[in-house]
Amino acid sequence: MINCLIIDDEQAAIDVIKYYIKSIPSLNLVAESLNPVEALEFVYTKQIDLIFIDIQMPQLSGLDFIRLTQGRCKFIFSTAYKHYAFDGYENNVVDYLLKPISFERFLQAIQKVQEILNPTKIVSDANTPKPDDFIFVKIENRMQKVNLSEILFIEGFGNYVRFHTTKGKFISLLNIKDLEGELPTDSFMRVHRSYIISLDKIEFVEGNQIYIDDNTFVPLGETYKSTLWSNLDRRIIATKK
């Protein structure tokens, strides 16, 4: 059993990781904290093996917290800022999770921890209970659960993305390139510098347009065409002449 501690200055972010931890039998959540200074007490008074910690927090940064623990625990970073990855690995952090964190990516990080702490008992997709496929994304002051099966397509503009789903539309502060890396490649694909689509929501493709439903289409970029057709080839039934 791996005893875990979650430290983040946002309760919504804590709740996401807490949900994932409860989905893996080999993990045990010992404590959670919104305050990194107070959380130091848990490190010295409880048996903590693994800490999930945000990097950018008031009072004490995640990097400073790691240095203060002097190698007592293993760490996994959870942050919205990709440029912190190098700092994390320099400080012997096991893995780095970019928000929004998918369960698949979370599981990969836990497998790395298992290999270090208990190499004879590795967590695998085959024997670990998984929640439905979904991600959590930040919308204003809340973390919104998004079922992948409900996503039609995702539109990027600047540092924001707009999710188009079967239940409506909403905007989140995310970079489309970073989000692309968190989505399963067998179900989602970048088809334009500003668009990611769900492959099973395609109605038809005509020229440089991909029709998602009767009233919606997204542009197909020239540089993405060959990859799209490679993905669709195995599903195409050729017409006999």
C-alpha atoms as a PDB file:
ATOM      1  CA  MET A   1       0.000   0.000   0.000  1.00  0.00           C
ATOM      2  CA  ILE A   2       1.318   3.440  -0.960  1.00  0.00           C
ATOM      3  CA  ASN A   3       0.336   6.186   1.502  1.00  0.00           C
ATOM      4  CA  CYS A   4      -0.449   9.434  -0.290  1.00  0.00           C
ATOM      5  CA  LEU A   5      -0.708  13.131   0.549  1.00  0.00           C
ATOM      6  CA  ILE A   6      -2.262  15.767  -1.734  1.00  0.00           C
ATOM      7  CA  ILE A   7      -1.188  19.417  -1.521  1.00  0.00           C
ATOM      8  CA  ASP A   8      -2.816  22.072  -3.691  1.00  0.00           C
ATOM      9  CA  ASP A   9      -4.180  25.537  -3.042  1.00  0.00           C
ATOM     10  CA  GLU A  10      -7.369  24.735  -4.985  1.00  0.00           C
ATOM     11  CA  GLN A  11      -9.886  22.301  -3.486  1.00  0.00           C
ATOM     12  CA  ALA A  12     -11.245  21.396  -6.923  1.00  0.00           C
ATOM     13  CA  ALA A  13      -7.787  20.179  -8.015  1.00  0.00           C
ATOM     14  CA  ILE A  14      -7.471  18.126  -4.817  1.00  0.00           C
ATOM     15  CA  ASP A  15     -10.852  16.519  -5.463  1.00  0.00           C
ATOM     16  CA  VAL A  16      -9.790  15.276  -8.899  1.00  0.00           C
ATOM     17  CA  ILE A  17      -6.662  13.533  -7.597  1.00  0.00           C
ATOM     18  CA  LYS A  18      -8.575  12.203  -4.593  1.00  0.00           C
ATOM     19  CA  TYR A  19     -11.113  10.591  -6.944  1.00  0.00           C
ATOM     20  CA  TYR A  20      -8.332   8.948  -8.949  1.00  0.00           C
ATOM     21  CA  ILE A  21      -6.549   7.669  -5.824  1.00  0.00           C
ATOM     22  CA  LYS A  22      -9.735   5.987  -4.629  1.00  0.00           C
ATOM     23  CA  SER A  23      -9.929   4.162  -7.974  1.00  0.00           C
ATOM     24  CA  ILE A  24      -6.612   2.344  -7.362  1.00  0.00           C
ATOM     25  CA  PRO A  25      -6.652  -0.251  -4.551  1.00  0.00           C
ATOM     26  CA  SER A  26      -2.905  -0.025  -3.912  1.00  0.00           C
ATOM     27  CA  LEU A  27      -3.132   3.687  -3.009  1.00  0.00           C
ATOM     28  CA  ASN A  28      -4.203   5.024   0.379  1.00  0.00           C
ATOM     29  CA  LEU A  29      -5.009   8.706   0.887  1.00  0.00           C
ATOM     30  CA  VAL A  30      -3.649   9.678   4.303  1.00  0.00           C
ATOM     31  CA  ALA A  31      -4.311  13.416   4.157  1.00  0.00           C
ATOM     32  CA  GLU A  32      -4.964  16.432   1.959  1.00  0.00           C
ATOM     33  CA  SER A  33      -4.077  20.076   2.488  1.00  0.00           C
ATOM     34  CA  LEU A  34      -4.645  23.482   0.950  1.00  0.00           C
ATOM     35  CA  ASN A  35      -1.708  24.889   2.898  1.00  0.00           C
ATOM     36  CA  PRO A  36       1.822  23.621   2.130  1.00  0.00           C
ATOM     37  CA  VAL A  37       3.224  24.993   5.396  1.00  0.00           C
ATOM     38  CA  GLU A  38       0.705  23.035   7.475  1.00  0.00           C
ATOM     39  CA  ALA A  39       1.238  19.978   5.256  1.00  0.00           C
ATOM     40  CA  LEU A  40       4.870  19.750   6.358  1.00  0.00           C
ATOM     41  CA  GLU A  41       3.590  18.421   9.683  1.00  0.00           C
ATOM     42  CA  PHE A  42       2.056  15.399   7.936  1.00  0.00           C
ATOM     43  CA  VAL A  43       5.423  14.520   6.421  1.00  0.00           C
ATOM     44  CA  TYR A  44       7.079  14.387   9.832  1.00  0.00           C
ATOM     45  CA  THR A  45       4.223  12.847  11.858  1.00  0.00           C
ATOM     46  CA  LYS A  46       2.664  10.323   9.455  1.00  0.00           C
ATOM     47  CA  GLN A  47       3.935   7.607   7.153  1.00  0.00           C
ATOM     48  CA  ILE A  48       3.794   9.298   3.741  1.00  0.00           C
ATOM     49  CA  ASP A  49       5.250   7.543   0.699  1.00  0.00           C
ATOM     50  CA  LEU A  50       3.984   9.704  -2.161  1.00  0.00           C
ATOM     51  CA  ILE A  51       2.983  13.375  -2.365  1.00  0.00           C
ATOM     52  CA  PHE A  52       0.970  14.956  -5.168  1.00  0.00           C
ATOM     53  CA  ILE A  53       1.868  18.627  -5.062  1.00  0.00           C
ATOM     54  CA  ASP A  54       1.109  21.756  -7.048  1.00  0.00           C
ATOM     55  CA  ILE A  55       4.114  23.910  -7.856  1.00  0.00           C
ATOM     56  CA  GLN A  56       2.809  27.464  -7.785  1.00  0.00           C
ATOM     57  CA  MET A  57       1.252  28.073  -4.354  1.00  0.00           C
ATOM     58  CA  PRO A  58       1.252  30.999  -1.920  1.00  0.00           C
ATOM     59  CA  GLN A  59       3.482  30.897   1.174  1.00  0.00           C
ATOM     60  CA  LEU A  60       5.585  27.977  -0.039  1.00  0.00           C
ATOM     61  CA  SER A  61       6.171  26.741  -3.577  1.00  0.00           C
ATOM     62  CA  GLY A  62       6.107  23.070  -4.441  1.00  0.00           C
ATOM     63  CA  LEU A  63       9.826  23.141  -5.234  1.00  0.00           C
ATOM     64  CA  ASP A  64      10.649  24.676  -1.849  1.00  0.00           C
ATOM     65  CA  PHE A  65       8.447  22.096  -0.132  1.00  0.00           C
ATOM     66  CA  ILE A  66      10.335  19.257  -1.804  1.00  0.00           C
ATOM     67  CA  ARG A  67      13.675  20.622  -0.641  1.00  0.00           C
ATOM     68  CA  LEU A  68      12.418  20.916   2.945  1.00  0.00           C
ATOM     69  CA  THR A  69      11.376  17.243   3.080  1.00  0.00           C
ATOM     70  CA  GLN A  70      14.988  16.156   2.409  1.00  0.00           C
ATOM     71  CA  GLY A  71      14.168  13.035   0.444  1.00  0.00           C
ATOM     72  CA  ARG A  72      11.612  11.550   2.852  1.00  0.00           C
ATOM     73  CA  CYS A  73       8.948  11.032   0.135  1.00  0.00           C
ATOM     74  CA  LYS A  74       8.466  10.573  -3.574  1.00  0.00           C
ATOM     75  CA  PHE A  75       6.713  13.384  -5.430  1.00  0.00           C
ATOM     76  CA  ILE A  76       4.452  13.841  -8.422  1.00  0.00           C
ATOM     77  CA  PHE A  77       3.967  17.392  -9.650  1.00  0.00           C
ATOM     78  CA  SER A  78       0.507  18.533 -10.705  1.00  0.00           C
ATOM     79  CA  THR A  79       0.474  21.918 -12.359  1.00  0.00           C
ATOM     80  CA  ALA A  80      -1.036  23.970 -15.150  1.00  0.00           C
ATOM     81  CA  TYR A  81       2.352  25.301 -16.235  1.00  0.00           C
ATOM     82  CA  LYS A  82       4.329  23.145 -18.620  1.00  0.00           C
ATOM     83  CA  HIS A  83       7.613  25.046 -18.232  1.00  0.00           C
ATOM     84  CA  TYR A  84       8.037  23.682 -14.696  1.00  0.00           C
ATOM     85  CA  ALA A  85       8.705  20.149 -15.959  1.00  0.00           C
ATOM     86  CA  PHE A  86      12.477  20.564 -16.091  1.00  0.00           C
ATOM     87  CA  ASP A  87      12.611  21.889 -12.519  1.00  0.00           C
ATOM     88  CA  GLY A  88      10.651  18.861 -11.362  1.00  0.00           C
ATOM     89  CA  TYR A  89      12.934  16.292 -12.894  1.00  0.00           C
ATOM     90  CA  GLU A  90      15.985  18.181 -11.641  1.00  0.00           C
ATOM     91  CA  ASN A  91      14.615  17.673  -8.116  1.00  0.00           C
ATOM     92  CA  ASN A  92      14.132  13.896  -8.559  1.00  0.00           C
ATOM     93  CA  VAL A  93      10.374  14.113  -8.940  1.00  0.00           C
ATOM     94  CA  VAL A  94       8.969  10.815 -10.234  1.00  0.00           C
ATOM     95  CA  ASP A  95       6.578  12.366 -12.735  1.00  0.00           C
ATOM     96  CA  TYR A  96       4.928  15.573 -13.867  1.00  0.00           C
ATOM     97  CA  LEU A  97       1.173  15.823 -14.523  1.00  0.00           C
ATOM     98  CA  LEU A  98      -0.142  18.706 -16.569  1.00  0.00           C
ATOM     99  CA  LYS A  99      -3.649  19.860 -15.671  1.00  0.00           C
ATOM    100  CA  PRO A 100      -6.247  18.853 -16.719  1.00  0.00           C
ATOM    101  CA  ILE A 101      -5.101  15.389 -15.617  1.00  0.00           C
ATOM    102  CA  SER A 102      -6.651  12.401 -17.368  1.00  0.00           C
ATOM    103  CA  PHE A 103      -6.996   9.095 -15.498  1.00  0.00           C
ATOM    104  CA  GLU A 104      -4.847   7.358 -18.120  1.00  0.00           C
ATOM    105  CA  ARG A 105      -1.992   9.808 -17.541  1.00  0.00           C
ATOM    106  CA  PHE A 106      -2.443   9.529 -13.756  1.00  0.00           C
ATOM    107  CA  LEU A 107      -2.163   5.743 -14.009  1.00  0.00           C
ATOM    108  CA  GLN A 108       1.086   6.017 -15.959  1.00  0.00           C
ATOM    109  CA  ALA A 109       2.556   8.146 -13.177  1.00  0.00           C
ATOM    110  CA  ILE A 110       1.500   5.616 -10.528  1.00  0.00           C
ATOM    111  CA  GLN A 111       3.134   2.817 -12.503  1.00  0.00           C
ATOM    112  CA  LYS A 112       6.421   4.732 -12.338  1.00  0.00           C
ATOM    113  CA  VAL A 113       6.062   5.092  -8.579  1.00  0.00           C
ATOM    114  CA  GLN A 114       5.290   1.380  -8.225  1.00  0.00           C
ATOM    115  CA  GLU A 115       8.417   0.474 -10.166  1.00  0.00           C
ATOM    116  CA  ILE A 116      10.490   2.462  -7.671  1.00  0.00           C
ATOM    117  CA  LEU A 117       8.746   1.588  -4.391  1.00  0.00           C
ATOM    118  CA  ASN A 118       7.543  -1.935  -5.090  1.00  0.00           C
ATOM    119  CA  PRO A 119       8.738  -3.318  -8.428  1.00  0.00           C
ATOM    120  CA  THR A 120       7.096  -6.722  -7.828  1.00  0.00           C
ATOM    121  CA  LYS A 121       3.592  -5.231  -7.740  1.00  0.00           C
ATOM    122  CA  ILE A 122       2.991  -3.067 -10.783  1.00  0.00           C
ATOM    123  CA  VAL A 123      -0.385  -1.437 -11.386  1.00  0.00           C
ATOM    124  CA  SER A 124      -1.776  -2.265 -14.829  1.00  0.00           C
ATOM    125  CA  ASP A 125      -4.759  -1.267 -16.911  1.00  0.00           C
ATOM    126  CA  ALA A 126      -5.867  -4.883 -16.982  1.00  0.00           C
ATOM    127  CA  ASN A 127      -6.420  -5.347 -13.254  1.00  0.00           C
ATOM    128  CA  THR A 128      -7.103  -1.825 -11.998  1.00  0.00           C
ATOM    129  CA  PRO A 129     -10.685  -0.547 -11.798  1.00  0.00           C
ATOM    130  CA  LYS A 130     -11.110   2.516 -13.998  1.00  0.00           C
ATOM    131  CA  PRO A 131     -13.766   5.198 -13.963  1.00  0.00           C
ATOM    132  CA  ASP A 132     -15.524   6.036 -17.190  1.00  0.00           C
ATOM    133  CA  ASP A 133     -13.297   7.832 -19.675  1.00  0.00           C
ATOM    134  CA  PHE A 134     -13.305  11.483 -18.717  1.00  0.00           C
ATOM    135  CA  ILE A 135     -11.130  14.452 -17.905  1.00  0.00           C
ATOM    136  CA  PHE A 136     -11.524  17.405 -15.556  1.00  0.00           C
ATOM    137  CA  VAL A 137     -10.998  20.937 -16.877  1.00  0.00           C
ATOM    138  CA  LYS A 138     -11.084  24.244 -15.057  1.00  0.00           C
ATOM    139  CA  ILE A 139     -14.004  26.521 -15.899  1.00  0.00           C
ATOM    140  CA  GLU A 140     -13.977  29.763 -13.933  1.00  0.00           C
ATOM    141  CA  ASN A 141     -13.736  28.664 -10.275  1.00  0.00           C
ATOM    142  CA  ARG A 142     -14.710  25.015 -10.666  1.00  0.00           C
ATOM    143  CA  MET A 143     -13.255  21.819 -12.075  1.00  0.00           C
ATOM    144  CA  GLN A 144     -15.701  20.475 -14.644  1.00  0.00           C
ATOM    145  CA  LYS A 145     -15.927  16.784 -15.454  1.00  0.00           C
ATOM    146  CA  VAL A 146     -16.086  16.147 -19.213  1.00  0.00           C
ATOM    147  CA  ASN A 147     -17.027  12.702 -20.521  1.00  0.00           C
ATOM    148  CA  LEU A 148     -14.896  11.985 -23.576  1.00  0.00           C
ATOM    149  CA  SER A 149     -17.801  10.223 -25.267  1.00  0.00           C
ATOM    150  CA  GLU A 150     -19.768  13.506 -25.241  1.00  0.00           C
ATOM    151  CA  ILE A 151     -17.114  15.615 -26.969  1.00  0.00           C
ATOM    152  CA  LEU A 152     -17.918  16.503 -30.592  1.00  0.00           C
ATOM    153  CA  PHE A 153     -14.872  18.655 -31.227  1.00  0.00           C
ATOM    154  CA  ILE A 154     -12.595  21.147 -29.482  1.00  0.00           C
ATOM    155  CA  GLU A 155     -11.799  24.594 -30.823  1.00  0.00           C
ATOM    156  CA  GLY A 156      -8.656  26.463 -29.794  1.00  0.00           C
ATOM    157  CA  PHE A 157      -8.060  30.193 -29.742  1.00  0.00           C
ATOM    158  CA  GLY A 158      -4.993  31.613 -28.055  1.00  0.00           C
ATOM    159  CA  ASN A 159      -4.669  30.212 -24.552  1.00  0.00           C
ATOM    160  CA  TYR A 160      -8.306  29.081 -24.452  1.00  0.00           C
ATOM    161  CA  VAL A 161     -10.261  26.156 -25.841  1.00  0.00           C
ATOM    162  CA  ARG A 162     -13.979  25.813 -26.458  1.00  0.00           C
ATOM    163  CA  PHE A 163     -15.442  22.346 -25.901  1.00  0.00           C
ATOM    164  CA  HIS A 164     -18.351  21.484 -28.200  1.00  0.00           C
ATOM    165  CA  THR A 165     -20.219  18.584 -26.587  1.00  0.00           C
ATOM    166  CA  THR A 166     -23.547  16.851 -26.880  1.00  0.00           C
ATOM    167  CA  LYS A 167     -24.564  18.748 -23.730  1.00  0.00           C
ATOM    168  CA  GLY A 168     -23.476  22.206 -24.865  1.00  0.00           C
ATOM    169  CA  LYS A 169     -20.402  24.428 -25.150  1.00  0.00           C
ATOM    170  CA  PHE A 170     -18.012  25.814 -22.582  1.00  0.00           C
ATOM    171  CA  ILE A 171     -14.636  27.558 -22.500  1.00  0.00           C
ATOM    172  CA  SER A 172     -11.572  26.660 -20.464  1.00  0.00           C
ATOM    173  CA  LEU A 173      -8.178  28.319 -20.008  1.00  0.00           C
ATOM    174  CA  LEU A 174      -6.082  25.713 -21.809  1.00  0.00           C
ATOM    175  CA  ASN A 175      -3.625  25.497 -24.676  1.00  0.00           C
ATOM    176  CA  ILE A 176      -4.927  23.208 -27.432  1.00  0.00           C
ATOM    177  CA  LYS A 177      -1.487  21.648 -27.939  1.00  0.00           C
ATOM    178  CA  ASP A 178      -1.217  20.643 -24.281  1.00  0.00           C
ATOM    179  CA  LEU A 179      -4.788  19.325 -24.261  1.00  0.00           C
ATOM    180  CA  GLU A 180      -4.073  17.250 -27.379  1.00  0.00           C
ATOM    181  CA  GLY A 181      -1.428  15.310 -25.470  1.00  0.00           C
ATOM    182  CA  GLU A 182      -3.927  14.319 -22.758  1.00  0.00           C
ATOM    183  CA  LEU A 183      -6.574  12.848 -25.100  1.00  0.00           C
ATOM    184  CA  PRO A 184      -6.513   9.210 -26.312  1.00  0.00           C
ATOM    185  CA  THR A 185      -5.079   9.125 -29.825  1.00  0.00           C
ATOM    186  CA  ASP A 186      -7.336   6.280 -30.946  1.00  0.00           C
ATOM    187  CA  SER A 187     -10.422   8.453 -30.413  1.00  0.00           C
ATOM    188  CA  PHE A 188      -9.283  12.062 -30.931  1.00  0.00           C
ATOM    189  CA  MET A 189      -7.202  13.756 -33.582  1.00  0.00           C
ATOM    190  CA  ARG A 190      -5.893  17.212 -34.412  1.00  0.00           C
ATOM    191  CA  VAL A 191      -7.224  18.070 -37.882  1.00  0.00           C
ATOM    192  CA  HIS A 192      -6.333  21.761 -37.967  1.00  0.00           C
ATOM    193  CA  ARG A 193      -4.071  24.039 -35.957  1.00  0.00           C
ATOM    194  CA  SER A 194      -7.201  25.199 -34.100  1.00  0.00           C
ATOM    195  CA  TYR A 195      -9.336  22.038 -33.997  1.00  0.00           C
ATOM    196  CA  ILE A 196      -9.363  18.589 -32.410  1.00  0.00           C
ATOM    197  CA  ILE A 197     -12.194  16.231 -33.344  1.00  0.00           C
ATOM    198  CA  SER A 198     -13.702  13.049 -31.964  1.00  0.00           C
ATOM    199  CA  LEU A 199     -13.252  10.490 -34.733  1.00  0.00           C
ATOM    200  CA  ASP A 200     -16.469   8.633 -33.967  1.00  0.00           C
ATOM    201  CA  LYS A 201     -18.502  11.848 -34.291  1.00  0.00           C
ATOM    202  CA  ILE A 202     -17.580  12.362 -37.960  1.00  0.00           C
ATOM    203  CA  GLU A 203     -20.606  12.242 -40.279  1.00  0.00           C
ATOM    204  CA  PHE A 204     -18.650  12.669 -43.512  1.00  0.00           C
ATOM    205  CA  VAL A 205     -15.580  14.340 -45.007  1.00  0.00           C
ATOM    206  CA  GLU A 206     -15.848  16.476 -48.126  1.00  0.00           C
ATOM    207  CA  GLY A 207     -12.927  18.412 -49.541  1.00  0.00           C
ATOM    208  CA  ASN A 208     -11.374  20.455 -46.755  1.00  0.00           C
ATOM    209  CA  GLN A 209     -14.324  20.137 -44.407  1.00  0.00           C
ATOM    210  CA  ILE A 210     -15.267  17.567 -41.782  1.00  0.00           C
ATOM    211  CA  TYR A 211     -18.960  17.437 -40.967  1.00  0.00           C
ATOM    212  CA  ILE A 212     -19.766  16.586 -37.384  1.00  0.00           C
ATOM    213  CA  ASP A 213     -23.552  16.839 -37.639  1.00  0.00           C
ATOM    214  CA  ASP A 214     -26.147  18.388 -39.946  1.00  0.00           C
ATOM    215  CA  ASN A 215     -25.249  21.937 -38.959  1.00  0.00           C
ATOM    216  CA  THR A 216     -21.612  21.802 -37.914  1.00  0.00           C
ATOM    217  CA  PHE A 217     -18.334  21.365 -39.743  1.00  0.00           C
ATOM    218  CA  VAL A 218     -14.695  21.973 -38.923  1.00  0.00           C
ATOM    219  CA  PRO A 219     -11.892  22.789 -41.375  1.00  0.00           C
ATOM    220  CA  LEU A 220      -9.392  20.127 -42.377  1.00  0.00           C
ATOM    221  CA  GLY A 221      -5.848  21.501 -42.605  1.00  0.00           C
ATOM    222  CA  GLU A 222      -3.648  20.388 -45.494  1.00  0.00           C
ATOM    223  CA  THR A 223      -0.881  19.185 -43.157  1.00  0.00           C
ATOM    224  CA  TYR A 224      -3.327  16.943 -41.264  1.00  0.00           C
ATOM    225  CA  LYS A 225      -5.048  15.301 -44.249  1.00  0.00           C
ATOM    226  CA  SER A 226      -2.742  12.312 -44.677  1.00  0.00           C
ATOM    227  CA  THR A 227      -2.871  11.475 -40.969  1.00  0.00           C
ATOM    228  CA  LEU A 228      -6.662  11.677 -40.930  1.00  0.00           C
ATOM    229  CA  TRP A 229      -7.009   9.328 -43.884  1.00  0.00           C
ATOM    230  CA  SER A 230      -4.499   6.939 -42.336  1.00  0.00           C
ATOM    231  CA  ASN A 231      -6.697   6.812 -39.235  1.00  0.00           C
ATOM    232  CA  LEU A 232      -9.846   6.330 -41.292  1.00  0.00           C
ATOM    233  CA  ASP A 233      -8.437   3.796 -43.789  1.00  0.00           C
ATOM    234  CA  ARG A 234      -9.075   0.782 -41.573  1.00  0.00           C
ATOM    235  CA  ARG A 235     -12.732   1.816 -41.317  1.00  0.00           C
ATOM    236  CA  ILE A 236     -13.271   2.411 -45.043  1.00  0.00           C
ATOM    237  CA  ILE A 237     -15.084  -0.253 -47.052  1.00  0.00           C
ATOM    238  CA  ALA A 238     -13.946   0.053 -50.655  1.00  0.00           C
ATOM    239  CA  THR A 239     -16.547   0.072 -53.398  1.00  0.00           C
ATOM    240  CA  LYS A 240     -16.216  -2.894 -55.767  1.00  0.00           C
ATOM    241  CA  LYS A 241     -16.103  -1.963 -59.436  1.00  0.00           C
END
